[in-house]
Protein backbone atom coordinates (compact mmCIF):
# COMPACT_ATOMS: atom_id res chain seq x y z
CA MET A 1 7.32 -52.34 36.00
CA ALA A 2 5.09 -49.44 35.32
CA LYS A 3 5.87 -46.93 32.61
CA GLU A 4 6.35 -43.41 33.84
CA GLN A 5 4.30 -40.80 31.97
CA SER A 6 5.88 -37.50 31.28
CA ASN A 7 4.40 -34.06 30.57
CA ILE A 8 7.49 -32.99 28.78
CA ARG A 9 7.16 -32.28 25.08
CA GLU A 10 9.64 -31.73 22.49
CA ARG A 11 9.88 -28.07 21.50
CA GLN A 12 9.58 -27.17 17.79
CA ARG A 13 11.62 -24.37 16.47
CA ILE A 14 9.49 -21.92 14.67
CA ASP A 15 11.09 -19.45 12.41
CA LEU A 16 9.22 -16.25 12.56
CA ARG A 17 9.75 -13.42 10.09
CA GLU A 18 8.36 -10.10 9.50
CA PRO A 19 5.61 -10.13 6.91
CA ARG A 20 6.75 -8.79 3.53
CA ARG A 21 5.82 -5.24 2.78
CA TYR A 22 4.60 -3.80 -0.49
CA THR A 23 4.98 -0.41 -2.15
CA VAL A 24 2.04 1.57 -3.56
CA THR A 25 2.92 3.62 -6.70
CA ILE A 26 0.88 6.16 -8.33
CA TYR A 27 1.41 7.11 -11.95
CA ASN A 28 0.83 10.23 -14.07
CA ASP A 29 -1.61 10.62 -16.88
CA ASP A 30 -2.78 13.49 -18.85
CA PHE A 31 -6.48 13.38 -17.76
CA THR A 32 -6.62 13.08 -13.92
CA THR A 33 -6.74 16.45 -12.31
CA MET A 34 -4.10 17.47 -9.69
CA GLU A 35 -6.87 18.49 -7.28
CA PHE A 36 -8.22 14.88 -7.53
CA VAL A 37 -4.82 13.18 -6.78
CA VAL A 38 -4.39 15.43 -3.90
CA MET A 39 -7.89 14.46 -2.61
CA ILE A 40 -7.05 10.69 -3.06
CA LEU A 41 -3.73 11.00 -1.20
CA LYS A 42 -5.47 12.92 1.70
CA GLN A 43 -8.66 10.64 1.94
CA ILE A 44 -7.21 7.13 1.29
CA PHE A 45 -3.47 7.40 2.17
CA PHE A 46 -3.86 9.75 5.05
CA LYS A 47 -1.27 12.41 3.77
CA SER A 48 -1.32 15.88 5.12
CA GLU A 49 -2.08 18.85 2.60
CA ALA A 50 1.66 19.48 2.13
CA GLU A 51 2.67 15.85 1.81
CA ALA A 52 -0.22 15.17 -0.72
CA GLU A 53 0.76 18.32 -2.77
CA ALA A 54 4.38 17.46 -2.83
CA LEU A 55 3.60 13.72 -4.00
CA MET A 56 1.31 15.18 -6.57
CA LEU A 57 4.06 17.42 -7.95
CA GLN A 58 6.57 14.54 -7.95
CA VAL A 59 4.17 12.52 -9.88
CA HIS A 60 3.50 15.29 -12.38
CA HIS A 61 7.19 15.78 -13.02
CA SER A 62 8.70 12.35 -12.75
CA ASP A 63 5.70 10.31 -13.89
CA LYS A 64 5.43 8.18 -10.83
CA ALA A 65 5.83 8.36 -6.96
CA VAL A 66 5.73 5.80 -4.20
CA VAL A 67 2.83 6.91 -1.94
CA GLY A 68 3.36 4.32 0.81
CA ILE A 69 4.67 1.03 2.10
CA TYR A 70 2.03 -1.42 3.55
CA SER A 71 1.29 -5.10 4.15
CA TYR A 72 -0.20 -6.67 1.12
CA ASP A 73 -3.78 -6.74 2.30
CA VAL A 74 -3.70 -2.97 3.31
CA ALA A 75 -1.99 -2.02 -0.04
CA THR A 76 -4.27 -3.89 -2.22
CA SER A 77 -7.26 -2.31 -0.34
CA LYS A 78 -5.95 1.24 -0.65
CA VAL A 79 -5.30 0.61 -4.40
CA ARG A 80 -8.66 -0.89 -5.06
CA LYS A 81 -10.52 2.03 -3.16
CA ALA A 82 -8.51 4.68 -5.04
CA THR A 83 -8.94 3.02 -8.29
CA ASN A 84 -12.72 2.66 -7.83
CA MET A 85 -13.05 6.47 -6.76
CA ALA A 86 -11.29 7.58 -9.82
CA ARG A 87 -13.41 5.37 -12.28
CA GLU A 88 -16.45 6.78 -10.52
CA ALA A 89 -15.10 10.20 -11.21
CA GLY A 90 -14.12 9.32 -14.88
CA PHE A 91 -10.36 9.47 -14.29
CA PRO A 92 -7.89 6.65 -15.68
CA LEU A 93 -5.73 7.08 -12.43
CA ARG A 94 -3.47 4.01 -12.23
CA LEU A 95 -1.78 2.73 -8.89
CA THR A 96 0.14 -0.49 -8.51
CA VAL A 97 1.28 -2.75 -5.62
CA GLU A 98 4.70 -4.25 -5.91
CA PRO A 99 6.98 -6.10 -3.41
CA GLU A 100 9.38 -3.81 -1.46
CA GLU A 101 13.05 -4.18 -2.54
């Protein structure tokens, strides 16, 4: 008796989840100028003039502000670029990447 061959394969259940998101936080310091912070927020984080100024004032008054929520790669890339620009300009601007809660 010949064996029958079948094209049926068992399906594997794949549990797909959305990738984890990360917050980028900017911190206040006494040396980085307000204009430089606004410029960083506009150029790197693509904030409007009004949004950038509002975030800069929030950082100034409450010592930190969340500037965006991104995937890990995008968040770390933006932080690295902003930090490099700040160091080149001689500012100690600090940004962090943390998992979204």
